[in-house]
Amino acid sequence: MKVSTASVKDDLLSVVDELSADRMAKVLEFALFKKARQAQQHPGSLTRPVRRLEDLWGDFWPKDESVDDFISTVRRWRREDVTLHKDLR
């Protein structure tokens, strides 16, 4: 079954109209995250094998917070993503 772009836009707009301000903020935050992530990916770039574990390390998490804090935050983000996805259906 082919879905038209117009019907998808209409469905999305009707769902967006029903969102609370807090939920809308989360939707926008997620959309900006996805856009930034897509901008970071370069199509056609070659991948290389990892030679050192240090090459995989990132510095996006504060050093003064524990691994448990990190794990609980990732779980919370995932629950929010699932809830957001269900709301957009």
PDB file of N, CA and C in Angstrom:
ATOM      1  N   MET A   1       0.838  -1.175   0.000  1.00  0.00           N
ATOM      2  CA  MET A   1       0.000   0.000   0.000  1.00  0.00           C
ATOM      3  C   MET A   1       0.886   1.243   0.000  1.00  0.00           C
ATOM      4  N   LYS A   2       0.655   2.106  -0.944  1.00  0.00           N
ATOM      5  CA  LYS A   2       1.431   3.327  -1.061  1.00  0.00           C
ATOM      6  C   LYS A   2       0.804   4.424  -0.194  1.00  0.00           C
ATOM      7  N   VAL A   3       1.640   5.118   0.548  1.00  0.00           N
ATOM      8  CA  VAL A   3       1.178   6.190   1.426  1.00  0.00           C
ATOM      9  C   VAL A   3       1.635   7.511   0.840  1.00  0.00           C
ATOM     10  N   SER A   4       0.723   8.453   0.748  1.00  0.00           N
ATOM     11  CA  SER A   4       1.090   9.748   0.167  1.00  0.00           C
ATOM     12  C   SER A   4       1.756  10.634   1.212  1.00  0.00           C
ATOM     13  N   THR A   5       2.613  11.499   0.741  1.00  0.00           N
ATOM     14  CA  THR A   5       3.295  12.443   1.625  1.00  0.00           C
ATOM     15  C   THR A   5       2.285  13.353   2.306  1.00  0.00           C
ATOM     16  N   ALA A   6       1.265  13.752   1.585  1.00  0.00           N
ATOM     17  CA  ALA A   6       0.239  14.640   2.148  1.00  0.00           C
ATOM     18  C   ALA A   6      -0.481  13.981   3.320  1.00  0.00           C
ATOM     19  N   SER A   7      -0.818  12.695   3.194  1.00  0.00           N
ATOM     20  CA  SER A   7      -1.522  12.022   4.287  1.00  0.00           C
ATOM     21  C   SER A   7      -0.616  11.861   5.507  1.00  0.00           C
ATOM     22  N   VAL A   8       0.665  11.615   5.277  1.00  0.00           N
ATOM     23  CA  VAL A   8       1.605  11.502   6.396  1.00  0.00           C
ATOM     24  C   VAL A   8       1.719  12.844   7.103  1.00  0.00           C
ATOM     25  N   LYS A   9       1.829  13.930   6.331  1.00  0.00           N
ATOM     26  CA  LYS A   9       1.906  15.271   6.928  1.00  0.00           C
ATOM     27  C   LYS A   9       0.644  15.579   7.726  1.00  0.00           C
ATOM     28  N   ASP A  10      -0.521  15.254   7.170  1.00  0.00           N
ATOM     29  CA  ASP A  10      -1.783  15.498   7.880  1.00  0.00           C
ATOM     30  C   ASP A  10      -1.846  14.718   9.184  1.00  0.00           C
ATOM     31  N   ASP A  11      -1.459  13.441   9.128  1.00  0.00           N
ATOM     32  CA  ASP A  11      -1.456  12.613  10.336  1.00  0.00           C
ATOM     33  C   ASP A  11      -0.496  13.179  11.379  1.00  0.00           C
ATOM     34  N   LEU A  12       0.675  13.581  10.932  1.00  0.00           N
ATOM     35  CA  LEU A  12       1.667  14.121  11.847  1.00  0.00           C
ATOM     36  C   LEU A  12       1.184  15.422  12.477  1.00  0.00           C
ATOM     37  N   LEU A  13       0.611  16.284  11.680  1.00  0.00           N
ATOM     38  CA  LEU A  13       0.106  17.554  12.210  1.00  0.00           C
ATOM     39  C   LEU A  13      -1.012  17.346  13.216  1.00  0.00           C
ATOM     40  N   SER A  14      -1.882  16.382  12.980  1.00  0.00           N
ATOM     41  CA  SER A  14      -2.965  16.127  13.936  1.00  0.00           C
ATOM     42  C   SER A  14      -2.414  15.605  15.257  1.00  0.00           C
ATOM     43  N   VAL A  15      -1.376  14.785  15.207  1.00  0.00           N
ATOM     44  CA  VAL A  15      -0.753  14.290  16.433  1.00  0.00           C
ATOM     45  C   VAL A  15      -0.026  15.417  17.150  1.00  0.00           C
ATOM     46  N   VAL A  16       0.689  16.238  16.402  1.00  0.00           N
ATOM     47  CA  VAL A  16       1.453  17.337  16.993  1.00  0.00           C
ATOM     48  C   VAL A  16       0.515  18.321  17.686  1.00  0.00           C
ATOM     49  N   ASP A  17      -0.645  18.583  17.103  1.00  0.00           N
ATOM     50  CA  ASP A  17      -1.605  19.502  17.706  1.00  0.00           C
ATOM     51  C   ASP A  17      -2.064  19.045  19.087  1.00  0.00           C
ATOM     52  N   GLU A  18      -2.046  17.744  19.313  1.00  0.00           N
ATOM     53  CA  GLU A  18      -2.535  17.191  20.575  1.00  0.00           C
ATOM     54  C   GLU A  18      -1.445  17.063  21.642  1.00  0.00           C
ATOM     55  N   LEU A  19      -0.203  17.364  21.306  1.00  0.00           N
ATOM     56  CA  LEU A  19       0.895  17.202  22.259  1.00  0.00           C
ATOM     57  C   LEU A  19       0.935  18.346  23.260  1.00  0.00           C
ATOM     58  N   SER A  20       1.314  18.011  24.488  1.00  0.00           N
ATOM     59  CA  SER A  20       1.522  19.053  25.500  1.00  0.00           C
ATOM     60  C   SER A  20       2.810  19.801  25.170  1.00  0.00           C
ATOM     61  N   ALA A  21       2.992  20.946  25.801  1.00  0.00           N
ATOM     62  CA  ALA A  21       4.192  21.752  25.552  1.00  0.00           C
ATOM     63  C   ALA A  21       5.450  20.972  25.935  1.00  0.00           C
ATOM     64  N   ASP A  22       5.384  20.223  27.033  1.00  0.00           N
ATOM     65  CA  ASP A  22       6.536  19.438  27.475  1.00  0.00           C
ATOM     66  C   ASP A  22       6.882  18.351  26.460  1.00  0.00           C
ATOM     67  N   ARG A  23       5.867  17.661  25.974  1.00  0.00           N
ATOM     68  CA  ARG A  23       6.085  16.590  25.005  1.00  0.00           C
ATOM     69  C   ARG A  23       6.576  17.171  23.682  1.00  0.00           C
ATOM     70  N   MET A  24       6.053  18.343  23.293  1.00  0.00           N
ATOM     71  CA  MET A  24       6.495  19.001  22.061  1.00  0.00           C
ATOM     72  C   MET A  24       7.974  19.365  22.163  1.00  0.00           C
ATOM     73  N   ALA A  25       8.398  19.832  23.332  1.00  0.00           N
ATOM     74  CA  ALA A  25       9.809  20.161  23.525  1.00  0.00           C
ATOM     75  C   ALA A  25      10.673  18.923  23.325  1.00  0.00           C
ATOM     76  N   LYS A  26      10.188  17.783  23.812  1.00  0.00           N
ATOM     77  CA  LYS A  26      10.942  16.538  23.640  1.00  0.00           C
ATOM     78  C   LYS A  26      10.978  16.111  22.177  1.00  0.00           C
ATOM     79  N   VAL A  27       9.884  16.306  21.471  1.00  0.00           N
ATOM     80  CA  VAL A  27       9.843  15.976  20.040  1.00  0.00           C
ATOM     81  C   VAL A  27      10.865  16.822  19.291  1.00  0.00           C
ATOM     82  N   LEU A  28      10.874  18.126  19.575  1.00  0.00           N
ATOM     83  CA  LEU A  28      11.815  19.016  18.898  1.00  0.00           C
ATOM     84  C   LEU A  28      13.257  18.674  19.247  1.00  0.00           C
ATOM     85  N   GLU A  29      13.508  18.346  20.516  1.00  0.00           N
ATOM     86  CA  GLU A  29      14.853  17.958  20.933  1.00  0.00           C
ATOM     87  C   GLU A  29      15.302  16.706  20.175  1.00  0.00           C
ATOM     88  N   PHE A  30      14.402  15.739  20.041  1.00  0.00           N
ATOM     89  CA  PHE A  30      14.718  14.510  19.325  1.00  0.00           C
ATOM     90  C   PHE A  30      14.979  14.793  17.849  1.00  0.00           C
ATOM     91  N   ALA A  31      14.157  15.650  17.247  1.00  0.00           N
ATOM     92  CA  ALA A  31      14.337  15.986  15.829  1.00  0.00           C
ATOM     93  C   ALA A  31      15.677  16.674  15.600  1.00  0.00           C
ATOM     94  N   LEU A  32      16.046  17.577  16.495  1.00  0.00           N
ATOM     95  CA  LEU A  32      17.340  18.254  16.366  1.00  0.00           C
ATOM     96  C   LEU A  32      18.495  17.275  16.550  1.00  0.00           C
ATOM     97  N   PHE A  33      18.325  16.329  17.473  1.00  0.00           N
ATOM     98  CA  PHE A  33      19.343  15.305  17.682  1.00  0.00           C
ATOM     99  C   PHE A  33      19.534  14.477  16.409  1.00  0.00           C
ATOM    100  N   LYS A  34      18.415  14.044  15.806  1.00  0.00           N
ATOM    101  CA  LYS A  34      18.501  13.241  14.587  1.00  0.00           C
ATOM    102  C   LYS A  34      19.143  14.034  13.445  1.00  0.00           C
ATOM    103  N   LYS A  35      18.795  15.315  13.331  1.00  0.00           N
ATOM    104  CA  LYS A  35      19.361  16.141  12.275  1.00  0.00           C
ATOM    105  C   LYS A  35      20.865  16.305  12.479  1.00  0.00           C
ATOM    106  N   ALA A  36      21.291  16.548  13.711  1.00  0.00           N
ATOM    107  CA  ALA A  36      22.721  16.698  13.998  1.00  0.00           C
ATOM    108  C   ALA A  36      23.460  15.392  13.729  1.00  0.00           C
ATOM    109  N   ARG A  37      22.828  14.283  14.075  1.00  0.00           N
ATOM    110  CA  ARG A  37      23.452  12.972  13.851  1.00  0.00           C
ATOM    111  C   ARG A  37      23.627  12.704  12.357  1.00  0.00           C
ATOM    112  N   GLN A  38      22.625  13.047  11.573  1.00  0.00           N
ATOM    113  CA  GLN A  38      22.717  12.851  10.129  1.00  0.00           C
ATOM    114  C   GLN A  38      23.806  13.741   9.535  1.00  0.00           C
ATOM    115  N   ALA A  39      23.947  14.949  10.070  1.00  0.00           N
ATOM    116  CA  ALA A  39      24.962  15.874   9.562  1.00  0.00           C
ATOM    117  C   ALA A  39      26.367  15.346   9.843  1.00  0.00           C
ATOM    118  N   GLN A  40      26.513  14.581  10.922  1.00  0.00           N
ATOM    119  CA  GLN A  40      27.832  14.041  11.282  1.00  0.00           C
ATOM    120  C   GLN A  40      28.235  12.879  10.391  1.00  0.00           C
ATOM    121  N   GLN A  41      27.260  12.192   9.832  1.00  0.00           N
ATOM    122  CA  GLN A  41      27.564  11.033   9.000  1.00  0.00           C
ATOM    123  C   GLN A  41      27.884  11.500   7.588  1.00  0.00           C
ATOM    124  N   HIS A  42      28.954  10.988   7.064  1.00  0.00           N
ATOM    125  CA  HIS A  42      29.370  11.365   5.719  1.00  0.00           C
ATOM    126  C   HIS A  42      29.168  10.181   4.787  1.00  0.00           C
ATOM    127  N   PRO A  43      28.232  10.293   3.853  1.00  0.00           N
ATOM    128  CA  PRO A  43      28.018   9.164   2.943  1.00  0.00           C
ATOM    129  C   PRO A  43      29.265   8.879   2.112  1.00  0.00           C
ATOM    130  N   GLY A  44      29.532   7.625   1.950  1.00  0.00           N
ATOM    131  CA  GLY A  44      30.674   7.232   1.137  1.00  0.00           C
ATOM    132  C   GLY A  44      31.994   7.218   1.888  1.00  0.00           C
ATOM    133  N   SER A  45      31.975   7.578   3.171  1.00  0.00           N
ATOM    134  CA  SER A  45      33.240   7.569   3.899  1.00  0.00           C
ATOM    135  C   SER A  45      33.647   6.123   4.180  1.00  0.00           C
ATOM    136  N   LEU A  46      34.909   5.900   4.180  1.00  0.00           N
ATOM    137  CA  LEU A  46      35.426   4.558   4.423  1.00  0.00           C
ATOM    138  C   LEU A  46      35.572   4.320   5.913  1.00  0.00           C
ATOM    139  N   THR A  47      35.264   3.112   6.328  1.00  0.00           N
ATOM    140  CA  THR A  47      35.473   2.752   7.727  1.00  0.00           C
ATOM    141  C   THR A  47      36.767   1.955   7.822  1.00  0.00           C
ATOM    142  N   ARG A  48      37.427   2.127   8.937  1.00  0.00           N
ATOM    143  CA  ARG A  48      38.680   1.412   9.177  1.00  0.00           C
ATOM    144  C   ARG A  48      38.525   0.538  10.406  1.00  0.00           C
ATOM    145  N   PRO A  49      39.259  -0.541  10.492  1.00  0.00           N
ATOM    146  CA  PRO A  49      39.196  -1.372  11.690  1.00  0.00           C
ATOM    147  C   PRO A  49      39.750  -0.608  12.894  1.00  0.00           C
ATOM    148  N   VAL A  50      39.202  -0.909  14.051  1.00  0.00           N
ATOM    149  CA  VAL A  50      39.675  -0.278  15.280  1.00  0.00           C
ATOM    150  C   VAL A  50      40.985  -0.953  15.672  1.00  0.00           C
ATOM    151  N   ARG A  51      42.002  -0.152  15.872  1.00  0.00           N
ATOM    152  CA  ARG A  51      43.315  -0.698  16.244  1.00  0.00           C
ATOM    153  C   ARG A  51      43.620  -0.479  17.727  1.00  0.00           C
ATOM    154  N   ARG A  52      43.024   0.560  18.301  1.00  0.00           N
ATOM    155  CA  ARG A  52      43.249   0.837  19.726  1.00  0.00           C
ATOM    156  C   ARG A  52      41.901   1.123  20.395  1.00  0.00           C
ATOM    157  N   LEU A  53      41.695   0.618  21.594  1.00  0.00           N
ATOM    158  CA  LEU A  53      40.471   0.861  22.341  1.00  0.00           C
ATOM    159  C   LEU A  53      40.277   2.358  22.589  1.00  0.00           C
ATOM    160  N   GLU A  54      41.344   3.072  22.785  1.00  0.00           N
ATOM    161  CA  GLU A  54      41.273   4.509  23.059  1.00  0.00           C
ATOM    162  C   GLU A  54      40.606   5.278  21.913  1.00  0.00           C
ATOM    163  N   ASP A  55      40.668   4.724  20.700  1.00  0.00           N
ATOM    164  CA  ASP A  55      40.050   5.394  19.554  1.00  0.00           C
ATOM    165  C   ASP A  55      38.523   5.445  19.677  1.00  0.00           C
ATOM    166  N   LEU A  56      37.947   4.577  20.497  1.00  0.00           N
ATOM    167  CA  LEU A  56      36.500   4.526  20.668  1.00  0.00           C
ATOM    168  C   LEU A  56      36.006   5.398  21.814  1.00  0.00           C
ATOM    169  N   TRP A  57      36.894   5.860  22.646  1.00  0.00           N
ATOM    170  CA  TRP A  57      36.498   6.650  23.804  1.00  0.00           C
ATOM    171  C   TRP A  57      35.990   8.011  23.381  1.00  0.00           C
ATOM    172  N   GLY A  58      34.961   8.472  24.081  1.00  0.00           N
ATOM    173  CA  GLY A  58      34.438   9.817  23.861  1.00  0.00           C
ATOM    174  C   GLY A  58      34.484  10.577  25.175  1.00  0.00           C
ATOM    175  N   ASP A  59      34.360  11.869  25.116  1.00  0.00           N
ATOM    176  CA  ASP A  59      34.393  12.651  26.349  1.00  0.00           C
ATOM    177  C   ASP A  59      33.089  13.425  26.526  1.00  0.00           C
ATOM    178  N   PHE A  60      31.959  12.755  26.235  1.00  0.00           N
ATOM    179  CA  PHE A  60      30.667  13.406  26.307  1.00  0.00           C
ATOM    180  C   PHE A  60      30.031  13.291  27.688  1.00  0.00           C
ATOM    181  N   TRP A  61      30.585  12.487  28.587  1.00  0.00           N
ATOM    182  CA  TRP A  61      29.997  12.283  29.905  1.00  0.00           C
ATOM    183  C   TRP A  61      30.890  12.921  30.959  1.00  0.00           C
ATOM    184  N   PRO A  62      30.307  13.662  31.902  1.00  0.00           N
ATOM    185  CA  PRO A  62      31.125  14.317  32.940  1.00  0.00           C
ATOM    186  C   PRO A  62      31.934  13.306  33.750  1.00  0.00           C
ATOM    187  N   LYS A  63      33.171  13.619  34.006  1.00  0.00           N
ATOM    188  CA  LYS A  63      34.063  12.703  34.723  1.00  0.00           C
ATOM    189  C   LYS A  63      33.634  12.474  36.169  1.00  0.00           C
ATOM    190  N   ASP A  64      32.927  13.442  36.779  1.00  0.00           N
ATOM    191  CA  ASP A  64      32.540  13.309  38.180  1.00  0.00           C
ATOM    192  C   ASP A  64      31.259  12.493  38.381  1.00  0.00           C
ATOM    193  N   GLU A  65      30.664  11.980  37.300  1.00  0.00           N
ATOM    194  CA  GLU A  65      29.467  11.154  37.421  1.00  0.00           C
ATOM    195  C   GLU A  65      29.826   9.690  37.182  1.00  0.00           C
ATOM    196  N   SER A  66      29.150   8.816  37.910  1.00  0.00           N
ATOM    197  CA  SER A  66      29.497   7.397  37.892  1.00  0.00           C
ATOM    198  C   SER A  66      28.934   6.682  36.665  1.00  0.00           C
ATOM    199  N   VAL A  67      29.409   5.457  36.485  1.00  0.00           N
ATOM    200  CA  VAL A  67      28.899   4.603  35.415  1.00  0.00           C
ATOM    201  C   VAL A  67      27.420   4.308  35.657  1.00  0.00           C
ATOM    202  N   ASP A  68      27.033   4.143  36.917  1.00  0.00           N
ATOM    203  CA  ASP A  68      25.626   3.900  37.234  1.00  0.00           C
ATOM    204  C   ASP A  68      24.754   5.079  36.801  1.00  0.00           C
ATOM    205  N   ASP A  69      25.246   6.301  36.985  1.00  0.00           N
ATOM    206  CA  ASP A  69      24.515   7.483  36.522  1.00  0.00           C
ATOM    207  C   ASP A  69      24.353   7.444  35.004  1.00  0.00           C
ATOM    208  N   PHE A  70      25.417   7.067  34.332  1.00  0.00           N
ATOM    209  CA  PHE A  70      25.376   6.974  32.864  1.00  0.00           C
ATOM    210  C   PHE A  70      24.342   5.949  32.419  1.00  0.00           C
ATOM    211  N   ILE A  71      24.377   4.767  33.008  1.00  0.00           N
ATOM    212  CA  ILE A  71      23.459   3.691  32.627  1.00  0.00           C
ATOM    213  C   ILE A  71      22.010   4.109  32.889  1.00  0.00           C
ATOM    214  N   SER A  72      21.737   4.706  34.041  1.00  0.00           N
ATOM    215  CA  SER A  72      20.361   5.116  34.337  1.00  0.00           C
ATOM    216  C   SER A  72      19.898   6.223  33.385  1.00  0.00           C
ATOM    217  N   THR A  73      20.803   7.112  32.997  1.00  0.00           N
ATOM    218  CA  THR A  73      20.447   8.172  32.050  1.00  0.00           C
ATOM    219  C   THR A  73      20.143   7.595  30.677  1.00  0.00           C
ATOM    220  N   VAL A  74      20.955   6.658  30.213  1.00  0.00           N
ATOM    221  CA  VAL A  74      20.703   6.027  28.906  1.00  0.00           C
ATOM    222  C   VAL A  74      19.367   5.293  28.931  1.00  0.00           C
ATOM    223  N   ARG A  75      19.069   4.599  30.010  1.00  0.00           N
ATOM    224  CA  ARG A  75      17.786   3.897  30.116  1.00  0.00           C
ATOM    225  C   ARG A  75      16.616   4.882  30.085  1.00  0.00           C
ATOM    226  N   ARG A  76      16.772   6.008  30.786  1.00  0.00           N
ATOM    227  CA  ARG A  76      15.720   7.023  30.782  1.00  0.00           C
ATOM    228  C   ARG A  76      15.527   7.576  29.376  1.00  0.00           C
ATOM    229  N   TRP A  77      16.626   7.866  28.661  1.00  0.00           N
ATOM    230  CA  TRP A  77      16.529   8.364  27.282  1.00  0.00           C
ATOM    231  C   TRP A  77      15.802   7.370  26.394  1.00  0.00           C
ATOM    232  N   ARG A  78      16.118   6.086  26.562  1.00  0.00           N
ATOM    233  CA  ARG A  78      15.477   5.064  25.734  1.00  0.00           C
ATOM    234  C   ARG A  78      13.989   4.970  26.027  1.00  0.00           C
ATOM    235  N   ARG A  79      13.601   5.050  27.321  1.00  0.00           N
ATOM    236  CA  ARG A  79      12.167   5.032  27.669  1.00  0.00           C
ATOM    237  C   ARG A  79      11.453   6.226  27.051  1.00  0.00           C
ATOM    238  N   GLU A  80      12.105   7.401  27.102  1.00  0.00           N
ATOM    239  CA  GLU A  80      11.506   8.596  26.507  1.00  0.00           C
ATOM    240  C   GLU A  80      11.355   8.429  24.995  1.00  0.00           C
ATOM    241  N   ASP A  81      12.343   7.826  24.341  1.00  0.00           N
ATOM    242  CA  ASP A  81      12.256   7.593  22.896  1.00  0.00           C
ATOM    243  C   ASP A  81      11.099   6.659  22.563  1.00  0.00           C
ATOM    244  N   VAL A  82      10.928   5.605  23.360  1.00  0.00           N
ATOM    245  CA  VAL A  82       9.852   4.644  23.110  1.00  0.00           C
ATOM    246  C   VAL A  82       8.506   5.327  23.323  1.00  0.00           C
ATOM    247  N   THR A  83       8.383   6.102  24.388  1.00  0.00           N
ATOM    248  CA  THR A  83       7.142   6.812  24.671  1.00  0.00           C
ATOM    249  C   THR A  83       6.837   7.799  23.562  1.00  0.00           C
ATOM    250  N   LEU A  84       7.841   8.531  23.123  1.00  0.00           N
ATOM    251  CA  LEU A  84       7.669   9.500  22.042  1.00  0.00           C
ATOM    252  C   LEU A  84       7.238   8.802  20.760  1.00  0.00           C
ATOM    253  N   HIS A  85       7.852   7.672  20.457  1.00  0.00           N
ATOM    254  CA  HIS A  85       7.515   6.919  19.248  1.00  0.00           C
ATOM    255  C   HIS A  85       6.052   6.452  19.307  1.00  0.00           C
ATOM    256  N   LYS A  86       5.612   5.986  20.481  1.00  0.00           N
ATOM    257  CA  LYS A  86       4.226   5.527  20.627  1.00  0.00           C
ATOM    258  C   LYS A  86       3.264   6.692  20.461  1.00  0.00           C
ATOM    259  N   ASP A  87       3.628   7.871  20.993  1.00  0.00           N
ATOM    260  CA  ASP A  87       2.762   9.043  20.885  1.00  0.00           C
ATOM    261  C   ASP A  87       2.610   9.506  19.445  1.00  0.00           C
ATOM    262  N   LEU A  88       3.606   9.280  18.615  1.00  0.00           N
ATOM    263  CA  LEU A  88       3.559   9.745  17.237  1.00  0.00           C
ATOM    264  C   LEU A  88       2.804   8.791  16.316  1.00  0.00           C
ATOM    265  N   ARG A  89       2.402   7.654  16.831  1.00  0.00           N
ATOM    266  CA  ARG A  89       1.644   6.698  16.006  1.00  0.00           C
ATOM    267  C   ARG A  89       0.241   7.142  15.795  1.00  0.00           C
TER     268      ARG A  89
END
